Amino acid sequence: MTLTEQQISTLREMASQGAQLNDIQKHIQSEFGISITYMDTRFLVSDHHIEILSPEALAPKEETPIAETTLEPTPAPEEVGVKVSVDQVTRPGAMVNGTVQWSDGVTSIWYLDQMGQLGLDSPDPQYQPIPSDIEDFQIKLRQVLGA
C-alpha cells in the first residue's frame, strides 16, 4: 500500500494528538478509502516511524508543590490503589494489552483478545486480587481505553 506524503503527514498529526491504532485504521478506511486490517495498520505505522502515544503520555502533568519542612513526623503513605497502563506493543492475539498493579503491589498483565474478552496473567496462577481492586481495575481500564 502506498500513501502520499500528505496522507502520512495527516497520520503523524493524528498520532501526535493521541490517536491510537484503531483510530488511524478507521481514518484510513473512511477518509482515504483504503481497506486495511489492524495488523496492516501496525505495519504501516511502524514503516513510517509514526509514534503512537500512550494515554498516560498525553495526560497533563500535575506539578507537585514543594513541601515545607516541618518538625512533625510525616504520616505513612496511604494505600495507592490500582494502577492501569496500556502497552505500546500489542501482544500476539490481543487487540490491546497492558499491566495492572494491584493495591497489594502484585503486577499482572491484562489483555483484550480479538473477541473482546478480558484476560489476566499473574506471576502466580493462584493469585486473586481483592474484589474492590477488581472494581477499581474495571473503572480505570475504561478510562485509559476511553470507553
N, C-alpha and C. Protein backbone atom coordinates (compact mmCIF):
# COMPACT_ATOMS: atom_id res chain seq x y z
N MET A 1 0.85 -1.16 0.00
CA MET A 1 0.00 0.00 0.00
C MET A 1 0.90 1.23 0.00
N THR A 2 0.56 2.17 -0.84
CA THR A 2 1.33 3.40 -0.94
C THR A 2 0.45 4.57 -0.53
N LEU A 3 0.97 5.37 0.39
CA LEU A 3 0.27 6.58 0.81
C LEU A 3 1.09 7.78 0.37
N THR A 4 0.40 8.88 0.13
CA THR A 4 1.09 10.11 -0.24
C THR A 4 1.74 10.71 1.00
N GLU A 5 2.68 11.62 0.77
CA GLU A 5 3.32 12.31 1.89
C GLU A 5 2.28 13.08 2.71
N GLN A 6 1.28 13.64 2.03
CA GLN A 6 0.22 14.38 2.71
C GLN A 6 -0.56 13.44 3.65
N GLN A 7 -0.88 12.24 3.18
CA GLN A 7 -1.61 11.27 3.99
C GLN A 7 -0.76 10.83 5.20
N ILE A 8 0.51 10.58 4.97
CA ILE A 8 1.41 10.18 6.06
C ILE A 8 1.52 11.31 7.08
N SER A 9 1.62 12.53 6.58
CA SER A 9 1.68 13.69 7.47
C SER A 9 0.41 13.80 8.31
N THR A 10 -0.73 13.54 7.70
CA THR A 10 -2.01 13.56 8.42
C THR A 10 -2.02 12.51 9.53
N LEU A 11 -1.52 11.31 9.24
CA LEU A 11 -1.48 10.24 10.23
C LEU A 11 -0.53 10.59 11.37
N ARG A 12 0.62 11.21 11.05
CA ARG A 12 1.55 11.64 12.10
C ARG A 12 0.90 12.67 13.02
N GLU A 13 0.17 13.60 12.42
CA GLU A 13 -0.51 14.63 13.20
C GLU A 13 -1.55 13.99 14.11
N MET A 14 -2.32 13.04 13.57
CA MET A 14 -3.32 12.36 14.38
C MET A 14 -2.67 11.66 15.58
N ALA A 15 -1.55 10.96 15.32
CA ALA A 15 -0.85 10.23 16.38
C ALA A 15 -0.32 11.19 17.44
N SER A 16 0.18 12.34 17.01
CA SER A 16 0.71 13.31 17.98
C SER A 16 -0.38 13.90 18.86
N GLN A 17 -1.62 13.83 18.38
CA GLN A 17 -2.75 14.34 19.15
C GLN A 17 -3.44 13.25 19.96
N GLY A 18 -2.86 12.04 19.95
CA GLY A 18 -3.38 10.99 20.80
C GLY A 18 -4.16 9.89 20.10
N ALA A 19 -4.24 9.92 18.78
CA ALA A 19 -4.96 8.86 18.07
C ALA A 19 -4.24 7.53 18.29
N GLN A 20 -5.01 6.49 18.51
CA GLN A 20 -4.47 5.15 18.68
C GLN A 20 -4.58 4.41 17.35
N LEU A 21 -4.03 3.20 17.30
CA LEU A 21 -4.02 2.44 16.04
C LEU A 21 -5.41 2.26 15.44
N ASN A 22 -6.39 1.96 16.27
CA ASN A 22 -7.74 1.75 15.72
C ASN A 22 -8.30 3.04 15.14
N ASP A 23 -7.94 4.20 15.72
CA ASP A 23 -8.39 5.49 15.18
C ASP A 23 -7.75 5.73 13.80
N ILE A 24 -6.48 5.41 13.70
CA ILE A 24 -5.77 5.59 12.43
C ILE A 24 -6.34 4.64 11.38
N GLN A 25 -6.61 3.40 11.77
CA GLN A 25 -7.19 2.43 10.84
C GLN A 25 -8.53 2.95 10.30
N LYS A 26 -9.38 3.43 11.19
CA LYS A 26 -10.69 3.95 10.76
C LYS A 26 -10.54 5.15 9.84
N HIS A 27 -9.56 6.02 10.14
CA HIS A 27 -9.34 7.21 9.31
C HIS A 27 -8.90 6.81 7.90
N ILE A 28 -7.99 5.85 7.83
CA ILE A 28 -7.51 5.38 6.52
C ILE A 28 -8.67 4.82 5.71
N GLN A 29 -9.55 4.09 6.38
CA GLN A 29 -10.68 3.50 5.67
C GLN A 29 -11.71 4.55 5.26
N SER A 30 -12.05 5.45 6.18
CA SER A 30 -13.12 6.41 5.88
C SER A 30 -12.65 7.58 5.02
N GLU A 31 -11.45 8.12 5.30
CA GLU A 31 -11.00 9.32 4.60
C GLU A 31 -10.16 9.03 3.36
N PHE A 32 -9.37 7.95 3.40
CA PHE A 32 -8.52 7.63 2.26
C PHE A 32 -9.15 6.58 1.35
N GLY A 33 -10.23 5.95 1.81
CA GLY A 33 -10.92 4.95 1.01
C GLY A 33 -10.11 3.68 0.80
N ILE A 34 -9.26 3.36 1.77
CA ILE A 34 -8.40 2.19 1.66
C ILE A 34 -8.82 1.19 2.74
N SER A 35 -9.16 -0.03 2.33
CA SER A 35 -9.49 -1.08 3.27
C SER A 35 -8.19 -1.63 3.85
N ILE A 36 -8.08 -1.62 5.18
CA ILE A 36 -6.84 -2.02 5.84
C ILE A 36 -7.16 -2.75 7.13
N THR A 37 -6.39 -3.79 7.42
CA THR A 37 -6.58 -4.53 8.66
C THR A 37 -5.83 -3.84 9.79
N TYR A 38 -6.15 -4.22 11.00
CA TYR A 38 -5.48 -3.67 12.17
C TYR A 38 -3.98 -3.97 12.11
N MET A 39 -3.64 -5.21 11.74
CA MET A 39 -2.24 -5.62 11.66
C MET A 39 -1.50 -4.81 10.59
N ASP A 40 -2.14 -4.61 9.44
CA ASP A 40 -1.50 -3.80 8.39
C ASP A 40 -1.32 -2.36 8.84
N THR A 41 -2.24 -1.87 9.66
CA THR A 41 -2.11 -0.52 10.21
C THR A 41 -0.88 -0.46 11.11
N ARG A 42 -0.68 -1.49 11.92
CA ARG A 42 0.52 -1.54 12.78
C ARG A 42 1.79 -1.50 11.94
N PHE A 43 1.81 -2.29 10.86
CA PHE A 43 2.99 -2.31 9.98
C PHE A 43 3.20 -0.94 9.33
N LEU A 44 2.13 -0.34 8.86
CA LEU A 44 2.20 0.96 8.21
C LEU A 44 2.78 2.01 9.16
N VAL A 45 2.28 2.03 10.38
CA VAL A 45 2.75 2.99 11.39
C VAL A 45 4.23 2.74 11.68
N SER A 46 4.60 1.48 11.79
CA SER A 46 5.99 1.14 12.06
C SER A 46 6.89 1.53 10.87
N ASP A 47 6.47 1.21 9.67
CA ASP A 47 7.27 1.51 8.47
C ASP A 47 7.52 3.00 8.30
N HIS A 48 6.55 3.81 8.70
CA HIS A 48 6.68 5.27 8.52
C HIS A 48 7.11 5.98 9.80
N HIS A 49 7.53 5.18 10.79
CA HIS A 49 8.06 5.72 12.05
C HIS A 49 7.09 6.72 12.69
N ILE A 50 5.82 6.35 12.70
CA ILE A 50 4.80 7.17 13.34
C ILE A 50 4.68 6.69 14.78
N GLU A 51 4.88 7.61 15.72
CA GLU A 51 4.86 7.25 17.13
C GLU A 51 3.45 7.39 17.70
N ILE A 52 2.93 6.26 18.21
CA ILE A 52 1.62 6.26 18.87
C ILE A 52 1.88 6.54 20.35
N LEU A 53 1.28 7.60 20.85
CA LEU A 53 1.48 7.98 22.25
C LEU A 53 0.50 7.25 23.15
N SER A 54 0.98 6.86 24.32
CA SER A 54 0.10 6.22 25.29
C SER A 54 -0.80 7.28 25.91
N PRO A 55 -1.97 6.87 26.41
CA PRO A 55 -2.85 7.84 27.07
C PRO A 55 -2.17 8.55 28.25
N GLU A 56 -1.26 7.83 28.93
CA GLU A 56 -0.54 8.43 30.05
C GLU A 56 0.36 9.56 29.58
N ALA A 57 0.98 9.39 28.40
CA ALA A 57 1.88 10.42 27.88
C ALA A 57 1.11 11.68 27.49
N LEU A 58 -0.16 11.53 27.16
CA LEU A 58 -0.97 12.67 26.74
C LEU A 58 -1.60 13.42 27.91
N ALA A 59 -1.68 12.75 29.06
CA ALA A 59 -2.33 13.37 30.22
C ALA A 59 -1.48 14.53 30.71
N PRO A 60 -2.12 15.65 31.05
CA PRO A 60 -1.35 16.78 31.55
C PRO A 60 -0.66 16.41 32.86
N LYS A 61 0.58 16.82 32.95
CA LYS A 61 1.35 16.54 34.16
C LYS A 61 0.99 17.57 35.22
N GLU A 62 0.71 17.07 36.40
CA GLU A 62 0.42 17.95 37.52
C GLU A 62 1.72 18.19 38.27
N GLU A 63 2.01 19.44 38.50
CA GLU A 63 3.21 19.75 39.26
C GLU A 63 2.90 19.61 40.75
N THR A 64 3.78 18.92 41.42
CA THR A 64 3.62 18.73 42.85
C THR A 64 4.32 19.87 43.56
N PRO A 65 3.59 20.58 44.42
CA PRO A 65 4.23 21.68 45.13
C PRO A 65 5.30 21.15 46.07
N ILE A 66 6.32 21.93 46.25
CA ILE A 66 7.40 21.54 47.16
C ILE A 66 6.89 21.67 48.59
N ALA A 67 7.05 20.59 49.33
CA ALA A 67 6.54 20.57 50.71
C ALA A 67 7.45 21.40 51.61
N GLU A 68 6.82 22.08 52.54
CA GLU A 68 7.59 22.82 53.53
C GLU A 68 8.15 21.84 54.54
N THR A 69 9.32 22.15 55.05
CA THR A 69 9.91 21.27 56.05
C THR A 69 9.24 21.52 57.39
N THR A 70 8.94 20.43 58.07
CA THR A 70 8.31 20.52 59.38
C THR A 70 9.06 19.61 60.34
N LEU A 71 8.85 19.84 61.60
CA LEU A 71 9.47 19.00 62.62
C LEU A 71 8.59 17.83 62.99
N GLU A 72 7.35 17.85 62.50
CA GLU A 72 6.43 16.76 62.80
C GLU A 72 6.72 15.57 61.89
N PRO A 73 6.53 14.35 62.40
CA PRO A 73 6.76 13.18 61.54
C PRO A 73 5.73 13.13 60.41
N THR A 74 6.17 12.67 59.28
CA THR A 74 5.30 12.54 58.12
C THR A 74 4.52 11.25 58.25
N PRO A 75 3.18 11.30 58.06
CA PRO A 75 2.41 10.05 58.15
C PRO A 75 2.78 9.10 57.03
N ALA A 76 2.59 7.83 57.28
CA ALA A 76 2.88 6.81 56.27
C ALA A 76 1.94 7.00 55.09
N PRO A 77 2.44 6.77 53.87
CA PRO A 77 1.57 6.93 52.71
C PRO A 77 0.41 5.93 52.75
N GLU A 78 -0.74 6.39 52.27
CA GLU A 78 -1.90 5.51 52.23
C GLU A 78 -1.75 4.53 51.07
N GLU A 79 -2.55 3.52 51.10
CA GLU A 79 -2.56 2.53 50.03
C GLU A 79 -2.86 3.23 48.71
N VAL A 80 -2.04 2.94 47.72
CA VAL A 80 -2.12 3.65 46.45
C VAL A 80 -3.33 3.23 45.63
N GLY A 81 -3.71 2.01 45.69
CA GLY A 81 -4.82 1.53 44.88
C GLY A 81 -4.31 0.86 43.62
N VAL A 82 -5.17 0.75 42.65
CA VAL A 82 -4.87 0.04 41.41
C VAL A 82 -4.33 1.01 40.37
N LYS A 83 -3.27 0.61 39.67
CA LYS A 83 -2.70 1.40 38.59
C LYS A 83 -2.80 0.58 37.30
N VAL A 84 -3.33 1.21 36.25
CA VAL A 84 -3.52 0.51 34.98
C VAL A 84 -2.75 1.26 33.89
N SER A 85 -2.02 0.53 33.05
CA SER A 85 -1.33 1.14 31.92
C SER A 85 -1.56 0.31 30.67
N VAL A 86 -1.39 0.97 29.52
CA VAL A 86 -1.55 0.32 28.22
C VAL A 86 -0.17 0.21 27.59
N ASP A 87 0.18 -0.98 27.09
CA ASP A 87 1.47 -1.19 26.44
C ASP A 87 1.47 -0.60 25.03
N GLN A 88 2.63 -0.14 24.59
CA GLN A 88 2.79 0.38 23.23
C GLN A 88 2.76 -0.74 22.20
N VAL A 89 3.30 -1.89 22.56
CA VAL A 89 3.37 -3.02 21.64
C VAL A 89 2.29 -4.02 22.03
N THR A 90 1.48 -4.41 21.07
CA THR A 90 0.38 -5.32 21.33
C THR A 90 0.86 -6.77 21.26
N ARG A 91 0.44 -7.57 22.23
CA ARG A 91 0.80 -8.99 22.27
C ARG A 91 0.09 -9.73 21.14
N PRO A 92 0.70 -10.80 20.62
CA PRO A 92 0.03 -11.60 19.60
C PRO A 92 -1.31 -12.12 20.13
N GLY A 93 -2.35 -12.01 19.32
CA GLY A 93 -3.67 -12.50 19.69
C GLY A 93 -4.49 -11.50 20.49
N ALA A 94 -3.91 -10.34 20.80
CA ALA A 94 -4.63 -9.33 21.58
C ALA A 94 -4.91 -8.11 20.71
N MET A 95 -6.01 -7.42 21.01
CA MET A 95 -6.29 -6.16 20.35
C MET A 95 -5.58 -5.03 21.08
N VAL A 96 -5.52 -5.14 22.39
CA VAL A 96 -4.86 -4.16 23.25
C VAL A 96 -4.46 -4.87 24.53
N ASN A 97 -3.37 -4.43 25.16
CA ASN A 97 -2.93 -5.06 26.40
C ASN A 97 -2.12 -4.06 27.23
N GLY A 98 -1.86 -4.45 28.46
CA GLY A 98 -1.08 -3.59 29.34
C GLY A 98 -0.83 -4.28 30.67
N THR A 99 -0.54 -3.47 31.69
CA THR A 99 -0.28 -4.02 33.01
C THR A 99 -1.22 -3.37 34.03
N VAL A 100 -1.43 -4.10 35.10
CA VAL A 100 -2.21 -3.58 36.23
C VAL A 100 -1.42 -3.90 37.49
N GLN A 101 -1.22 -2.88 38.31
CA GLN A 101 -0.60 -3.10 39.61
C GLN A 101 -1.70 -3.00 40.65
N TRP A 102 -1.91 -4.10 41.36
CA TRP A 102 -2.96 -4.17 42.36
C TRP A 102 -2.53 -3.44 43.62
N SER A 103 -3.45 -3.15 44.51
CA SER A 103 -3.14 -2.39 45.72
C SER A 103 -2.14 -3.09 46.63
N ASP A 104 -2.02 -4.42 46.50
CA ASP A 104 -1.05 -5.14 47.33
C ASP A 104 0.34 -5.21 46.69
N GLY A 105 0.51 -4.53 45.53
CA GLY A 105 1.81 -4.46 44.88
C GLY A 105 2.05 -5.51 43.81
N VAL A 106 1.20 -6.50 43.69
CA VAL A 106 1.34 -7.54 42.66
C VAL A 106 0.99 -6.93 41.30
N THR A 107 1.81 -7.24 40.29
CA THR A 107 1.57 -6.74 38.94
C THR A 107 1.12 -7.88 38.05
N SER A 108 0.05 -7.65 37.29
CA SER A 108 -0.48 -8.64 36.35
C SER A 108 -0.50 -8.02 34.97
N ILE A 109 -0.57 -8.87 33.96
CA ILE A 109 -0.73 -8.43 32.58
C ILE A 109 -2.19 -8.62 32.20
N TRP A 110 -2.80 -7.60 31.61
CA TRP A 110 -4.18 -7.71 31.14
C TRP A 110 -4.18 -7.59 29.62
N TYR A 111 -5.20 -8.16 28.99
CA TYR A 111 -5.33 -8.06 27.54
C TYR A 111 -6.79 -8.24 27.14
N LEU A 112 -7.14 -7.63 26.01
CA LEU A 112 -8.43 -7.86 25.38
C LEU A 112 -8.14 -8.63 24.10
N ASP A 113 -8.74 -9.81 23.95
CA ASP A 113 -8.47 -10.61 22.77
C ASP A 113 -9.35 -10.16 21.60
N GLN A 114 -9.20 -10.83 20.48
CA GLN A 114 -9.92 -10.46 19.26
C GLN A 114 -11.44 -10.57 19.41
N MET A 115 -11.90 -11.34 20.40
CA MET A 115 -13.33 -11.49 20.65
C MET A 115 -13.82 -10.47 21.69
N GLY A 116 -12.91 -9.62 22.18
CA GLY A 116 -13.29 -8.62 23.16
C GLY A 116 -13.33 -9.15 24.58
N GLN A 117 -12.78 -10.35 24.81
CA GLN A 117 -12.77 -10.92 26.15
C GLN A 117 -11.52 -10.47 26.90
N LEU A 118 -11.70 -10.12 28.15
CA LEU A 118 -10.62 -9.65 29.01
C LEU A 118 -9.91 -10.84 29.63
N GLY A 119 -8.58 -10.81 29.61
CA GLY A 119 -7.79 -11.85 30.24
C GLY A 119 -6.76 -11.24 31.17
N LEU A 120 -6.38 -11.98 32.21
CA LEU A 120 -5.37 -11.54 33.16
C LEU A 120 -4.34 -12.65 33.33
N ASP A 121 -3.06 -12.27 33.30
CA ASP A 121 -1.97 -13.20 33.59
C ASP A 121 -1.20 -12.64 34.77
N SER A 122 -1.12 -13.42 35.83
CA SER A 122 -0.38 -13.02 37.02
C SER A 122 0.82 -13.94 37.19
N PRO A 123 1.86 -13.45 37.90
CA PRO A 123 3.04 -14.30 38.11
C PRO A 123 2.68 -15.60 38.82
N ASP A 124 1.74 -15.52 39.75
CA ASP A 124 1.27 -16.71 40.47
C ASP A 124 -0.12 -17.06 39.92
N PRO A 125 -0.26 -18.19 39.25
CA PRO A 125 -1.56 -18.56 38.66
C PRO A 125 -2.70 -18.61 39.68
N GLN A 126 -2.39 -18.79 40.96
CA GLN A 126 -3.41 -18.87 42.00
C GLN A 126 -3.79 -17.50 42.56
N TYR A 127 -3.10 -16.44 42.12
CA TYR A 127 -3.33 -15.10 42.67
C TYR A 127 -4.73 -14.60 42.34
N GLN A 128 -5.39 -14.03 43.34
CA GLN A 128 -6.72 -13.43 43.17
C GLN A 128 -6.70 -12.04 43.81
N PRO A 129 -6.90 -10.97 43.02
CA PRO A 129 -6.98 -9.64 43.63
C PRO A 129 -8.25 -9.53 44.47
N ILE A 130 -8.24 -8.60 45.42
CA ILE A 130 -9.43 -8.42 46.25
C ILE A 130 -10.55 -7.81 45.40
N PRO A 131 -11.81 -8.07 45.75
CA PRO A 131 -12.94 -7.60 44.93
C PRO A 131 -12.94 -6.09 44.67
N SER A 132 -12.55 -5.28 45.67
CA SER A 132 -12.55 -3.83 45.44
C SER A 132 -11.50 -3.44 44.41
N ASP A 133 -10.38 -4.19 44.34
CA ASP A 133 -9.37 -3.93 43.32
C ASP A 133 -9.91 -4.24 41.93
N ILE A 134 -10.70 -5.30 41.81
CA ILE A 134 -11.26 -5.67 40.52
C ILE A 134 -12.20 -4.58 40.02
N GLU A 135 -13.02 -4.05 40.92
CA GLU A 135 -13.92 -2.95 40.54
C GLU A 135 -13.13 -1.73 40.11
N ASP A 136 -12.10 -1.39 40.89
CA ASP A 136 -11.25 -0.24 40.58
C ASP A 136 -10.55 -0.45 39.24
N PHE A 137 -10.07 -1.67 38.99
CA PHE A 137 -9.41 -2.00 37.72
C PHE A 137 -10.36 -1.79 36.54
N GLN A 138 -11.60 -2.26 36.65
CA GLN A 138 -12.56 -2.10 35.56
C GLN A 138 -12.82 -0.63 35.26
N ILE A 139 -12.94 0.18 36.28
CA ILE A 139 -13.18 1.62 36.09
C ILE A 139 -11.98 2.27 35.42
N LYS A 140 -10.78 1.98 35.93
CA LYS A 140 -9.57 2.60 35.39
C LYS A 140 -9.26 2.09 33.99
N LEU A 141 -9.58 0.85 33.70
CA LEU A 141 -9.36 0.31 32.36
C LEU A 141 -10.25 1.03 31.35
N ARG A 142 -11.52 1.26 31.72
CA ARG A 142 -12.41 2.02 30.83
C ARG A 142 -11.86 3.42 30.59
N GLN A 143 -11.29 4.03 31.63
CA GLN A 143 -10.75 5.38 31.50
C GLN A 143 -9.56 5.41 30.54
N VAL A 144 -8.60 4.49 30.70
CA VAL A 144 -7.42 4.51 29.84
C VAL A 144 -7.73 4.11 28.41
N LEU A 145 -8.79 3.33 28.22
CA LEU A 145 -9.18 2.94 26.86
C LEU A 145 -10.16 3.93 26.25
N GLY A 146 -10.60 4.90 27.03
CA GLY A 146 -11.52 5.91 26.52
C GLY A 146 -12.91 5.37 26.26
N ALA A 147 -13.28 4.31 26.98
CA ALA A 147 -14.62 3.72 26.78
C ALA A 147 -15.62 4.30 27.72
